[in-house]
C-alpha cells in the first residue's frame, strides 16, 4: 500500500481489472493513480457521489475546472442521490460532461464521456478497505478510439494527456483524502451547517487511546503565551478576571466554566459544546445536552462545538485533530460574532496550534514508558 502523500498506483493495481474496464474493450491508453486515505470507504464515498462542476466541484484546481468557486468542504445532501445516466458537469454551466455509467455504493463509481458510437473515455473510482480501517482509493482513466484532447492529434496528445491528467488527478486525490480524513461524523450530526470552522492536526507516534488521553488532560494554562492571550482578551473587553481556582486538564477546565460533553467515542473522540455570546466582556457558557444543543435557536446567540479526536494512522501511531465549529442563531448574532472573530481569531487559532505540541510530547512519552 502506498504512502499517504503518494498517488502512485502499485503494479498490481495497474494490472488488475476494475469496474468500468468492460466499457472500452481495446483502450488506446490507461492512466492509473491511487491514494491511501485514513477513513473508511463509507466516509469517502459521499465525496465521490457529489463530484462535478456546479455540484461540489472536482476537488482539484478550482480555477480550471470549477469556475474559480472553491470545491465543497462538507457533504452536500442534495447531491448524494445517484442514478445511472445522470450528468456530472465537466465545467460550470456546461450541458455536457461525464455520464454516470455505474456505481456500487460504497465500492465503486464509474463515469465517462460518451460519443455517438459509444464510450470515448471512462473514469473509475474504486474504494477498497484495509484491515486497519483505512481505504485505498484507486482511480483509472481509459481512452477509447475516437478520444481526442483539445482537438490535438493523438500523436501529440499521447504525450500531453498523461502529464496534464497526473497534475489534476494528484490534486483531486489529495483533496478527497484531506476532506474525508477531516470530516467528523459526530460534529456533522450536532452541527451540519456553520458559519466558522477551524481545524488543526498533528501526527503522533502513539496509539489513539494514549493520544486522546493526553489531549483530555492537556494543561493549557501551563503555557505563558496562552495565559497572555486570555489576559489580553480581558484587557481589551474589560472583563472581570476569573478568580475561581480551576482544575487542570483541558476537559476538566472547560467543563468547569460551563462547557458540556455532547457526545464521545471512548479512546477516539470527545465533542464539547456550549451556547454563548462571546462578544460580551464577561462571557457565560450555557451547557446543554446534545438534543437541546442541536435544537437551540434563541436569538442573539452562537452555538460552539469543538472536538478532540485521535485517528489511527495505519502505522501504529495516530493523528490528533481538533476542530471548532460556530453557528449563529440569527443574522444579528452572526454580525456580532464575525466582528468578534476578526478581532480575536489570531489568538484563538494560536491557542489551538500551541496545544498540539505538548499533547504530542505527552502522548509519545506515555507510549515509550
Protein backbone atom coordinates (compact mmCIF):
# COMPACT_ATOMS: atom_id res chain seq x y z
CA UNK A 1 0.00 0.00 0.00
CA UNK A 2 1.35 3.41 -0.98
CA UNK A 3 2.22 6.24 1.35
CA UNK A 4 -0.30 8.89 2.32
CA UNK A 5 1.33 11.57 0.14
CA UNK A 6 1.84 9.34 -2.91
CA UNK A 7 -0.73 8.97 -5.67
CA UNK A 8 1.19 6.24 -7.47
CA UNK A 9 -0.72 3.05 -8.16
CA UNK A 10 1.12 -0.19 -7.48
CA UNK A 11 1.99 -2.61 -10.28
CA UNK A 12 -0.73 -4.93 -9.02
CA UNK A 13 -3.31 -2.14 -9.04
CA UNK A 14 -2.36 -1.17 -12.59
CA UNK A 15 -2.60 -4.75 -13.84
CA UNK A 16 -5.87 -5.82 -12.26
CA UNK A 17 -9.32 -5.45 -13.75
CA UNK A 18 -11.52 -2.69 -12.32
CA UNK A 19 -15.19 -1.75 -12.72
CA UNK A 20 -15.66 0.16 -15.98
CA UNK A 21 -12.96 -1.71 -17.89
CA UNK A 22 -15.67 -3.59 -19.77
CA UNK A 23 -16.95 -0.37 -21.35
CA UNK A 24 -13.91 0.06 -23.59
CA UNK A 25 -12.65 -3.27 -24.90
CA UNK A 26 -9.43 -2.02 -26.50
CA UNK A 27 -8.27 1.26 -24.91
CA UNK A 28 -5.63 3.35 -26.60
CA UNK A 29 -4.35 4.42 -23.15
CA UNK A 30 -4.96 3.82 -19.46
CA UNK A 31 -3.76 6.04 -16.61
CA UNK A 32 -3.77 4.74 -13.03
CA UNK A 33 -3.44 6.57 -9.73
CA UNK A 34 -4.17 5.63 -6.11
CA UNK A 35 -4.01 7.07 -2.62
CA UNK A 36 -4.34 5.74 0.91
CA UNK A 37 -6.98 7.55 2.97
CA UNK A 38 -7.27 7.39 6.76
CA UNK A 39 -11.02 6.84 6.69
CA UNK A 40 -13.45 4.00 5.95
CA UNK A 41 -14.89 3.63 2.42
CA UNK A 42 -18.33 4.72 3.66
CA UNK A 43 -16.76 8.01 4.80
CA UNK A 44 -15.02 8.58 1.46
CA UNK A 45 -18.00 7.67 -0.75
CA UNK A 46 -20.08 10.87 -0.20
CA UNK A 47 -17.23 12.99 -1.55
CA UNK A 48 -17.25 10.97 -4.78
CA UNK A 49 -21.04 10.97 -5.12
CA UNK A 50 -21.25 14.77 -5.12
CA UNK A 51 -18.43 15.47 -7.61
CA UNK A 52 -18.99 17.71 -10.60
CA UNK A 53 -18.87 21.37 -11.57
CA UNK A 54 -21.89 23.18 -10.22
CA UNK A 55 -22.21 20.42 -7.62
CA UNK A 56 -19.44 20.01 -5.01
CA UNK A 57 -16.66 20.64 -7.51
CA UNK A 58 -13.84 18.32 -8.53
CA UNK A 59 -11.54 18.98 -5.51
CA UNK A 60 -8.72 19.83 -7.91
CA UNK A 61 -7.64 23.21 -9.29
CA UNK A 62 -10.90 25.13 -8.93
CA UNK A 63 -9.81 27.99 -11.19
CA UNK A 64 -9.51 25.49 -14.01
CA UNK A 65 -12.41 23.09 -13.52
CA UNK A 66 -14.87 24.83 -11.20
CA UNK A 67 -15.04 28.39 -12.43
CA UNK A 68 -12.92 29.61 -9.52
CA UNK A 69 -15.54 28.53 -7.00
CA UNK A 70 -13.96 26.56 -4.12
CA UNK A 71 -14.87 22.88 -4.05
CA UNK A 72 -17.11 21.97 -1.13
CA UNK A 73 -15.52 21.06 2.18
CA UNK A 74 -18.66 19.44 3.56
CA UNK A 75 -21.12 16.78 2.49
CA UNK A 76 -23.98 18.19 0.40
CA UNK A 77 -27.10 16.03 0.93
CA UNK A 78 -28.76 17.34 -2.23
CA UNK A 79 -26.08 15.69 -4.38
CA UNK A 80 -25.97 12.26 -2.71
CA UNK A 81 -28.68 10.57 -4.79
CA UNK A 82 -27.24 8.84 -7.85
CA UNK A 83 -28.91 7.31 -10.90
CA UNK A 84 -27.23 5.67 -13.93
CA UNK A 85 -27.13 8.06 -16.87
CA UNK A 86 -27.06 11.25 -14.76
CA UNK A 87 -24.67 14.03 -15.70
CA UNK A 88 -21.56 15.13 -13.79
CA UNK A 89 -20.90 18.51 -15.48
CA UNK A 90 -17.30 18.95 -16.53
CA UNK A 91 -17.39 22.75 -16.20
CA UNK A 92 -19.78 25.24 -14.58
CA UNK A 93 -22.85 25.86 -16.71
CA UNK A 94 -22.00 23.05 -19.11
CA UNK A 95 -24.81 20.95 -20.52
CA UNK A 96 -22.43 18.12 -21.36
CA UNK A 97 -19.88 16.31 -19.26
CA UNK A 98 -19.33 12.94 -17.66
CA UNK A 99 -22.16 10.44 -17.64
CA UNK A 100 -22.60 8.10 -14.69
CA UNK A 101 -22.05 4.65 -16.16
CA UNK A 102 -22.38 2.59 -12.99
CA UNK A 103 -21.96 2.70 -9.23
CA UNK A 104 -21.84 0.28 -6.32
CA UNK A 105 -22.04 2.24 -3.07
CA UNK A 106 -19.60 2.45 -1.29
CA UNK A 107 -17.26 0.45 -3.52
CA UNK A 108 -17.06 1.96 -6.97
CA UNK A 109 -18.23 4.80 -9.18
CA UNK A 110 -17.63 4.92 -12.93
CA UNK A 111 -18.22 7.99 -15.06
CA UNK A 112 -17.25 8.60 -18.66
CA UNK A 113 -17.67 10.62 -21.82
CA UNK A 114 -19.95 9.20 -24.45
CA UNK A 115 -19.78 9.70 -28.20
CA UNK A 116 -22.14 8.72 -31.00
CA UNK A 117 -20.60 5.27 -31.24
CA UNK A 118 -20.06 4.55 -27.54
CA UNK A 119 -17.73 5.46 -24.70
CA UNK A 120 -14.83 7.73 -25.66
CA UNK A 121 -13.28 7.56 -22.19
CA UNK A 122 -14.06 6.21 -18.73
CA UNK A 123 -13.02 7.33 -15.28
CA UNK A 124 -13.35 4.75 -12.50
CA UNK A 125 -13.08 5.40 -8.75
CA UNK A 126 -12.71 2.25 -6.67
CA UNK A 127 -12.70 2.15 -2.85
CA UNK A 128 -11.04 -0.78 -1.11
CA UNK A 129 -10.99 -1.20 2.69
CA UNK A 130 -7.97 -2.42 4.61
CA UNK A 131 -7.95 -4.36 7.91
CA UNK A 132 -6.60 -1.34 9.79
CA UNK A 133 -9.62 0.81 8.92
CA UNK A 134 -8.02 2.71 6.04
CA UNK A 135 -9.15 2.96 2.42
CA UNK A 136 -7.26 2.60 -0.81
CA UNK A 137 -8.82 4.80 -3.50
CA UNK A 138 -7.80 3.55 -6.94
CA UNK A 139 -8.59 5.70 -9.96
CA UNK A 140 -8.29 4.63 -13.59
CA UNK A 141 -8.89 6.74 -16.70
CA UNK A 142 -9.12 4.88 -20.03
CA UNK A 143 -9.37 6.33 -23.52
CA UNK A 144 -11.08 4.62 -26.43
CA UNK A 145 -10.65 5.05 -30.16
CA UNK A 146 -12.07 8.39 -31.16
CA UNK A 147 -10.95 10.11 -27.96
CA UNK A 148 -9.27 13.46 -28.52
CA UNK A 149 -7.84 16.08 -26.19
CA UNK A 150 -8.48 19.72 -27.08
CA UNK A 151 -8.52 18.74 -30.76
CA UNK A 152 -4.86 17.70 -30.73
CA UNK A 153 -3.70 14.84 -32.97
CA UNK A 154 -3.23 11.69 -30.91
CA UNK A 155 0.48 11.64 -31.75
CA UNK A 156 0.83 14.85 -29.74
CA UNK A 157 -1.95 14.28 -27.20
CA UNK A 158 -0.47 10.95 -26.10
CA UNK A 159 2.44 12.89 -24.61
CA UNK A 160 0.42 15.81 -23.23
CA UNK A 161 -2.53 13.97 -21.67
CA UNK A 162 -0.57 11.88 -19.10
CA UNK A 163 1.17 14.98 -17.73
CA UNK A 164 -1.97 17.14 -17.53
CA UNK A 165 -4.02 14.29 -16.10
CA UNK A 166 -1.40 13.47 -13.46
CA UNK A 167 -1.28 17.06 -12.22
CA UNK A 168 -5.08 17.35 -11.98
CA UNK A 169 -5.59 13.81 -10.63
CA UNK A 170 -2.96 14.21 -7.94
CA UNK A 171 -4.59 17.40 -6.70
CA UNK A 172 -8.03 15.76 -6.76
CA UNK A 173 -6.99 12.65 -4.85
CA UNK A 174 -5.22 14.66 -2.20
CA UNK A 175 -8.25 16.94 -1.96
CA UNK A 176 -10.60 13.99 -1.47
CA UNK A 177 -8.28 12.44 1.12
CA UNK A 178 -7.96 15.67 3.07
CA UNK A 179 -11.71 16.17 3.16
CA UNK A 180 -12.56 12.58 4.05
CA UNK A 181 -9.97 12.46 6.82
CA UNK A 182 -11.07 15.78 8.29
CA UNK A 183 -14.78 15.01 8.20
CA UNK A 184 -16.23 14.46 11.65
CA UNK A 185 -19.48 12.48 11.74
CA UNK A 186 -20.17 13.37 15.37
CA UNK A 187 -19.85 17.09 14.67
CA UNK A 188 -21.88 16.72 11.48
CA UNK A 189 -24.76 15.25 13.48
CA UNK A 190 -24.64 18.08 16.02
CA UNK A 191 -23.90 20.99 13.69
CA UNK A 192 -24.13 20.17 9.97
CA UNK A 193 -24.18 23.85 8.98
CA UNK A 194 -21.98 26.50 10.49
CA UNK A 195 -20.59 29.98 9.98
CA UNK A 196 -17.00 29.39 11.03
CA UNK A 197 -14.87 26.25 11.09
CA UNK A 198 -11.29 25.94 12.25
CA UNK A 199 -9.19 22.75 12.10
CA UNK A 200 -5.72 21.64 13.20
CA UNK A 201 -3.95 18.28 13.24
CA UNK A 202 -0.61 16.71 14.10
CA UNK A 203 0.94 13.26 13.67
CA UNK A 204 1.71 11.45 16.94
CA UNK A 205 3.86 8.35 17.47
CA UNK A 206 1.39 6.88 19.96
CA UNK A 207 -1.83 4.89 19.67
CA UNK A 208 -5.12 6.83 19.53
CA UNK A 209 -6.13 5.96 23.10
CA UNK A 210 -2.94 7.47 24.54
CA UNK A 211 -3.14 10.50 22.27
CA UNK A 212 -6.72 11.26 23.28
CA UNK A 213 -5.90 10.78 26.97
CA UNK A 214 -3.05 13.27 26.64
CA UNK A 215 -5.39 15.73 24.89
CA UNK A 216 -8.08 15.46 27.56
CA UNK A 217 -5.50 16.12 30.28
CA UNK A 218 -3.52 18.85 28.49
CA UNK A 219 -2.75 21.80 30.77
CA UNK A 220 -3.44 24.89 28.68
CA UNK A 221 -2.55 27.32 31.42
CA UNK A 222 0.96 25.90 31.69
CA UNK A 223 1.80 27.95 28.59
CA UNK A 224 2.73 31.58 29.33
CA UNK A 225 1.72 32.53 25.79
CA UNK A 226 -1.78 31.09 26.24
CA UNK A 227 -2.13 32.80 29.62
CA UNK A 228 -1.13 36.06 27.94
CA UNK A 229 -3.76 35.59 25.22
CA UNK A 230 -6.52 35.10 27.81
CA UNK A 231 -5.28 38.11 29.72
CA UNK A 232 -5.22 40.23 26.56
CA UNK A 233 -8.89 39.42 25.95
CA UNK A 234 -9.75 40.53 29.48
CA UNK A 235 -7.97 43.84 28.96
CA UNK A 236 -9.44 44.55 25.51
CA UNK A 237 -13.03 43.75 26.52
CA UNK A 238 -12.78 44.99 30.08
CA UNK A 239 -13.61 41.58 31.54
CA UNK A 240 -13.51 40.79 35.24
CA UNK A 241 -10.66 38.35 35.99
CA UNK A 242 -11.74 34.81 36.86
CA UNK A 243 -10.66 34.33 40.49
CA UNK A 244 -12.02 30.79 40.79
CA UNK A 245 -9.40 28.08 41.22
CA UNK A 246 -9.96 25.87 38.20
CA UNK A 247 -8.93 22.23 37.75
CA UNK A 248 -6.05 21.37 35.48
CA UNK A 249 -6.59 19.39 32.33
CA UNK A 250 -8.30 20.68 29.19
CA UNK A 251 -11.57 18.80 29.61
CA UNK A 252 -11.83 19.39 33.36
CA UNK A 253 -11.06 23.09 32.94
CA UNK A 254 -13.54 23.74 30.15
CA UNK A 255 -16.41 21.84 31.75
CA UNK A 256 -15.80 23.76 34.99
CA UNK A 257 -16.54 27.05 33.21
CA UNK A 258 -19.74 25.88 31.52
CA UNK A 259 -18.90 23.72 28.52
CA UNK A 260 -20.53 20.29 28.31
CA UNK A 261 -19.53 16.99 26.73
CA UNK A 262 -22.10 16.46 23.99
CA UNK A 263 -21.01 13.04 22.79
CA UNK A 264 -17.93 10.84 22.67
CA UNK A 265 -16.39 7.65 21.36
CA UNK A 266 -14.20 6.03 24.03
CA UNK A 267 -10.47 6.29 23.30
CA UNK A 268 -11.14 8.07 19.97
CA UNK A 269 -13.09 11.31 20.31
CA UNK A 270 -14.89 13.70 22.61
CA UNK A 271 -17.12 16.57 21.45
CA UNK A 272 -17.72 19.55 23.72
CA UNK A 273 -20.19 22.38 23.21
CA UNK A 274 -21.98 25.36 24.69
CA UNK A 275 -24.32 28.20 23.83
CA UNK A 276 -22.86 31.62 24.45
CA UNK A 277 -22.35 35.28 23.46
CA UNK A 278 -18.55 35.52 23.22
CA UNK A 279 -18.60 39.21 22.29
CA UNK A 280 -19.68 40.08 25.85
CA UNK A 281 -16.95 41.11 28.28
CA UNK A 282 -17.97 38.58 30.93
CA UNK A 283 -18.90 35.65 28.76
CA UNK A 284 -21.21 32.92 30.09
CA UNK A 285 -21.25 29.40 28.67
CA UNK A 286 -24.58 27.60 28.84
CA UNK A 287 -24.20 23.80 28.92
CA UNK A 288 -26.94 21.93 27.07
CA UNK A 289 -27.46 18.24 26.41
CA UNK A 290 -26.93 17.20 22.80
CA UNK A 291 -30.62 17.25 21.70
CA UNK A 292 -31.22 20.67 23.23
CA UNK A 293 -27.94 21.97 21.83
CA UNK A 294 -28.85 20.90 18.29
CA UNK A 295 -32.36 22.39 18.52
CA UNK A 296 -31.32 25.63 20.23
CA UNK A 297 -32.46 28.69 18.25
CA UNK A 298 -32.79 31.53 20.79
CA UNK A 299 -31.89 34.81 19.05
CA UNK A 300 -28.62 36.68 19.62
CA UNK A 301 -26.52 33.63 20.47
CA UNK A 302 -23.97 31.35 18.88
CA UNK A 303 -23.55 27.64 19.36
CA UNK A 304 -19.97 26.43 19.56
CA UNK A 305 -18.86 22.81 19.34
CA UNK A 306 -15.29 21.57 19.34
CA UNK A 307 -13.70 18.18 19.28
CA UNK A 308 -10.63 16.33 20.45
CA UNK A 309 -10.11 13.36 18.14
CA UNK A 310 -7.39 10.77 17.63
CA UNK A 311 -7.45 8.67 14.46
CA UNK A 312 -5.22 5.66 13.76
CA UNK A 313 -2.61 6.41 11.11
CA UNK A 314 -2.18 2.83 9.88
CA UNK A 315 1.37 2.59 11.20
CA UNK A 316 0.74 2.15 14.91
CA UNK A 317 0.53 5.87 15.60
CA UNK A 318 -2.28 8.38 15.35
CA UNK A 319 -3.36 11.73 14.01
CA UNK A 320 -4.51 14.17 16.67
CA UNK A 321 -7.23 16.50 15.37
CA UNK A 322 -9.12 19.41 16.81
CA UNK A 323 -12.00 21.10 15.03
CA UNK A 324 -14.15 24.01 16.16
CA UNK A 325 -17.46 24.99 14.57
CA UNK A 326 -19.57 28.05 15.29
CA UNK A 327 -23.19 28.61 14.19
CA UNK A 328 -25.13 31.82 14.85
CA UNK A 329 -28.84 31.61 15.65
CA UNK A 330 -29.71 34.74 13.67
CA UNK A 331 -28.27 37.49 11.48
CA UNK A 332 -27.65 39.86 14.40
CA UNK A 333 -25.65 37.24 16.29
CA UNK A 334 -23.73 36.39 13.14
CA UNK A 335 -22.73 40.02 12.65
CA UNK A 336 -21.61 40.35 16.27
CA UNK A 337 -19.69 37.10 16.21
CA UNK A 338 -17.90 37.81 12.93
CA UNK A 339 -16.81 41.19 14.30
CA UNK A 340 -15.53 39.42 17.43
CA UNK A 341 -13.84 36.74 15.31
CA UNK A 342 -11.94 39.30 13.24
CA UNK A 343 -10.50 40.78 16.41
CA UNK A 344 -9.69 37.68 18.38
CA UNK A 345 -9.29 34.78 15.93
CA UNK A 346 -5.47 35.14 15.69
CA UNK A 347 -5.19 34.41 19.41
CA UNK A 348 -7.79 31.63 19.29
CA UNK A 349 -6.01 29.95 16.38
CA UNK A 350 -2.66 30.31 18.14
CA UNK A 351 -4.04 28.61 21.26
CA UNK A 352 -5.17 25.62 19.18
CA UNK A 353 -1.81 25.41 17.49
CA UNK A 354 0.21 25.78 20.68
CA UNK A 355 -1.61 22.99 22.49
CA UNK A 356 -0.81 20.34 19.85
CA UNK A 357 2.92 20.15 20.58
CA UNK A 358 2.56 19.40 24.30
CA UNK A 359 -0.17 16.85 23.54
CA UNK A 360 2.15 15.04 21.15
CA UNK A 361 5.06 15.06 23.58
CA UNK A 362 2.91 13.76 26.44
CA UNK A 363 1.32 11.02 24.32
CA UNK A 364 4.68 9.87 22.96
CA UNK A 365 6.12 9.86 26.47
CA UNK A 366 3.27 7.64 27.61
CA UNK A 367 3.78 5.32 24.63
CA UNK A 368 7.53 4.97 25.26
CA UNK A 369 7.09 4.47 29.01
